[in-house]
Amino acid sequence: MEGFGNYHALHLGSTREQVLMNLGPPEGPAQSNDWRYSRGCTCELPEFFTISFKNDRIAKVVFAAPAG
């Protein structure tokens, strides 16, 4: 996977701290293992995406857009 986020600086294995520094806080609580971001961030990604963490590192990223 190529990088994503601002300046494509994030990738699988990036830490929670790196995500916060790059994208800012998620829409929901930052204590959960799944963080959701929407187009409101400056990362020029699809409509929204979810970052899933395991052991405080990115384990999965799901990019999505509304149906239609």
Protein backbone atom coordinates (compact mmCIF):
# COMPACT_ATOMS: atom_id res chain seq x y z
CA MET A 1 0.00 0.00 0.00
CA GLU A 2 1.26 3.43 -0.89
CA GLY A 3 1.08 6.07 1.77
CA PHE A 4 -2.08 8.04 2.53
CA GLY A 5 -2.95 11.11 4.53
CA ASN A 6 -1.28 14.49 4.24
CA TYR A 7 1.83 14.16 2.08
CA HIS A 8 1.14 10.39 1.91
CA ALA A 9 3.01 10.08 5.21
CA LEU A 10 0.87 7.31 6.76
CA HIS A 11 0.95 3.59 6.01
CA LEU A 12 0.17 0.24 7.60
CA GLY A 13 2.14 0.11 10.84
CA SER A 14 2.02 3.87 11.52
CA THR A 15 1.34 4.68 15.16
CA ARG A 16 -1.71 6.41 16.67
CA GLU A 17 0.53 9.39 17.46
CA GLN A 18 1.62 9.65 13.83
CA VAL A 19 -2.03 9.56 12.70
CA LEU A 20 -2.99 12.30 15.16
CA MET A 21 -0.08 14.47 14.02
CA ASN A 22 -0.93 13.94 10.34
CA LEU A 23 -4.75 13.98 10.29
CA GLY A 24 -5.76 15.42 13.65
CA PRO A 25 -8.32 13.82 15.96
CA PRO A 26 -10.90 11.37 14.55
CA GLU A 27 -14.63 12.07 14.46
CA GLY A 28 -15.32 9.74 17.39
CA PRO A 29 -13.40 8.94 20.55
CA ALA A 30 -9.67 8.53 20.00
CA GLN A 31 -9.60 5.75 22.58
CA SER A 32 -11.35 3.24 20.31
CA ASN A 33 -9.50 0.95 17.89
CA ASP A 34 -11.44 2.25 14.87
CA TRP A 35 -11.02 5.91 13.93
CA ARG A 36 -13.23 7.48 11.26
CA TYR A 37 -12.34 10.52 9.19
CA SER A 38 -14.45 12.30 6.59
CA ARG A 39 -13.66 14.50 3.64
CA GLY A 40 -13.41 17.44 6.05
CA CYS A 41 -9.75 16.63 6.63
CA THR A 42 -7.21 17.96 4.15
CA CYS A 43 -5.93 14.58 3.01
CA GLU A 44 -7.78 14.54 -0.37
CA LEU A 45 -9.15 11.03 0.10
CA PRO A 46 -12.56 9.49 -0.73
CA GLU A 47 -15.71 10.62 1.10
CA PHE A 48 -14.70 8.91 4.33
CA PHE A 49 -12.30 6.31 5.62
CA THR A 50 -11.76 4.25 8.75
CA ILE A 51 -8.41 3.41 10.31
CA SER A 52 -8.28 0.28 12.50
CA PHE A 53 -5.51 -0.15 15.05
CA LYS A 54 -3.99 -3.23 16.63
CA ASN A 55 -1.36 -2.76 19.34
CA ASP A 56 -1.52 1.02 18.71
CA ARG A 57 -0.45 0.68 15.06
CA ILE A 58 -2.51 0.88 11.86
CA ALA A 59 -3.63 -2.64 10.95
CA LYS A 60 -6.31 -1.84 8.35
CA VAL A 61 -7.60 1.16 6.38
CA VAL A 62 -11.00 1.11 4.65
CA PHE A 63 -11.70 3.84 2.08
CA ALA A 64 -15.36 4.35 1.17
CA ALA A 65 -17.81 6.62 -0.55
CA PRO A 66 -21.59 6.82 -0.35
CA ALA A 67 -23.53 4.28 -2.39
CA GLY A 68 -24.69 5.48 -5.76
